Amino acid sequence: MTASHTGATRSIPGLVAPGVHVDDDVGADITGSTTVLEVLRMFPDGRAARLMADIYFPCAHCGGAVREPLTLAARRHKRDARAVLDAFRALRDGYPDAELVARAAERHPERWKR
């Protein structure tokens, strides 16, 4: 466990989930099973957090972010999972264009009726 200069830890003691320890390799590929925490760690410059804000995902502030894959987050927030994945994958080349962000932000409640 690593402590910062503020005393905060960068890992979660006792939690068994990929990407939570400071020395975990989170990889570079974004798949449907990539967790919210992993994508945040892939882009420490804040691009992933900014995209989450732009598509109205409060995931960066949720306890489920550690284990929740992007596709489940998309479903939970009634978004098209493919559009969400495409938007996050576009972070590799900078930032997704406005059209892609709009597609990822568009709600589709009819797809996720219970």
Protein backbone atom coordinates (compact mmCIF):
# COMPACT_ATOMS: atom_id res chain seq x y z
CA MET A 1 0.00 0.00 0.00
CA THR A 2 1.42 3.38 -0.98
CA ALA A 3 0.69 6.59 0.92
CA SER A 4 0.82 9.99 -0.70
CA HIS A 5 2.18 13.16 0.89
CA THR A 6 -1.33 13.76 2.28
CA GLY A 7 -1.46 10.34 3.90
CA ALA A 8 -4.09 9.06 1.47
CA THR A 9 -3.58 5.60 0.05
CA ARG A 10 -3.62 4.81 -3.65
CA SER A 11 -4.84 1.25 -3.11
CA ILE A 12 -7.74 -0.27 -1.27
CA PRO A 13 -6.62 -2.67 1.48
CA GLY A 14 -8.36 -6.04 1.33
CA LEU A 15 -10.06 -5.42 -2.02
CA VAL A 16 -9.54 -8.07 -4.65
CA ALA A 17 -10.27 -6.46 -8.01
CA PRO A 18 -8.10 -5.69 -11.05
CA GLY A 19 -6.49 -2.29 -11.28
CA VAL A 20 -6.81 -1.27 -7.64
CA HIS A 21 -3.20 -1.58 -6.51
CA VAL A 22 -0.72 1.11 -7.47
CA ASP A 23 1.53 -1.40 -9.23
CA ASP A 24 -1.28 -3.20 -11.13
CA ASP A 25 -0.91 -3.14 -14.89
CA VAL A 26 -4.23 -1.87 -16.25
CA GLY A 27 -3.18 -2.46 -19.85
CA ALA A 28 -3.96 -0.28 -22.82
CA ASP A 29 -6.96 -2.00 -24.41
CA ILE A 30 -10.45 -0.84 -23.51
CA THR A 31 -12.92 -3.71 -23.68
CA GLY A 32 -16.42 -4.25 -22.39
CA SER A 33 -14.98 -5.71 -19.20
CA THR A 34 -12.62 -2.79 -18.52
CA THR A 35 -13.71 -1.30 -15.21
CA VAL A 36 -14.38 2.35 -14.56
CA LEU A 37 -11.39 2.45 -12.19
CA GLU A 38 -9.11 0.88 -14.79
CA VAL A 39 -10.05 3.44 -17.45
CA LEU A 40 -9.49 6.26 -14.96
CA ARG A 41 -6.03 4.85 -14.23
CA MET A 42 -5.26 4.49 -17.96
CA PHE A 43 -5.68 8.25 -18.38
CA PRO A 44 -4.23 9.91 -15.26
CA ASP A 45 -4.27 13.24 -17.10
CA GLY A 46 -8.02 13.48 -16.43
CA ARG A 47 -9.34 12.75 -19.94
CA ALA A 48 -11.39 9.75 -18.80
CA ALA A 49 -12.87 11.69 -15.87
CA ARG A 50 -13.69 14.58 -18.22
CA LEU A 51 -15.41 12.19 -20.64
CA MET A 52 -17.44 10.71 -17.79
CA ALA A 53 -18.59 14.19 -16.89
CA ASP A 54 -19.37 15.01 -20.53
CA ILE A 55 -21.58 11.91 -20.91
CA TYR A 56 -23.14 12.42 -17.47
CA PHE A 57 -21.64 9.35 -15.80
CA PRO A 58 -21.12 9.97 -12.06
CA CYS A 59 -19.05 6.77 -12.02
CA ALA A 60 -15.80 8.41 -10.92
CA HIS A 61 -17.50 9.18 -7.60
CA CYS A 62 -19.25 5.85 -7.09
CA GLY A 63 -18.15 2.94 -4.94
CA GLY A 64 -19.08 0.61 -7.80
CA ALA A 65 -16.34 2.12 -9.98
CA VAL A 66 -13.84 -0.40 -8.66
CA ARG A 67 -15.63 -3.45 -10.00
CA GLU A 68 -18.13 -2.10 -12.51
CA PRO A 69 -17.25 -2.62 -16.20
CA LEU A 70 -17.96 0.16 -18.69
CA THR A 71 -20.68 -1.92 -20.35
CA LEU A 72 -22.53 -2.34 -17.05
CA ALA A 73 -22.15 1.38 -16.36
CA ALA A 74 -23.61 2.07 -19.81
CA ARG A 75 -26.57 -0.17 -19.08
CA ARG A 76 -27.07 1.29 -15.61
CA HIS A 77 -27.16 4.79 -17.09
CA LYS A 78 -29.30 3.69 -20.08
CA ARG A 79 -26.67 4.37 -22.72
CA ASP A 80 -25.64 2.50 -25.86
CA ALA A 81 -22.71 0.36 -24.68
CA ARG A 82 -21.04 0.41 -28.13
CA ALA A 83 -21.13 4.24 -28.23
CA VAL A 84 -19.71 4.42 -24.70
CA LEU A 85 -16.86 2.03 -25.56
CA ASP A 86 -16.13 3.89 -28.80
CA ALA A 87 -15.93 7.19 -26.92
CA PHE A 88 -13.53 5.80 -24.31
CA ARG A 89 -11.42 4.13 -26.98
CA ALA A 90 -11.11 7.50 -28.74
CA LEU A 91 -9.21 8.77 -25.70
CA ARG A 92 -6.15 6.93 -27.02
CA ASP A 93 -5.95 9.47 -29.86
CA GLY A 94 -6.74 12.53 -27.77
CA TYR A 95 -10.42 13.11 -27.13
CA PRO A 96 -13.58 11.94 -28.91
CA ASP A 97 -15.25 14.38 -31.27
CA ALA A 98 -18.50 16.09 -30.29
CA GLU A 99 -20.65 13.65 -32.29
CA LEU A 100 -19.18 10.63 -30.53
CA VAL A 101 -19.58 12.26 -27.12
CA ALA A 102 -23.21 13.07 -27.97
CA ARG A 103 -23.87 9.44 -29.03
CA ALA A 104 -22.37 8.15 -25.78
CA ALA A 105 -24.39 10.65 -23.72
CA GLU A 106 -27.72 9.87 -25.41
CA ARG A 107 -30.09 8.00 -23.11
CA HIS A 108 -32.01 4.98 -24.41
CA PRO A 109 -34.46 4.04 -21.64
CA GLU A 110 -36.50 1.89 -24.05
CA ARG A 111 -33.56 -0.51 -24.44
CA TRP A 112 -33.23 -1.18 -20.74
CA LYS A 113 -36.80 -1.72 -19.53
CA ARG A 114 -37.10 -4.07 -16.59
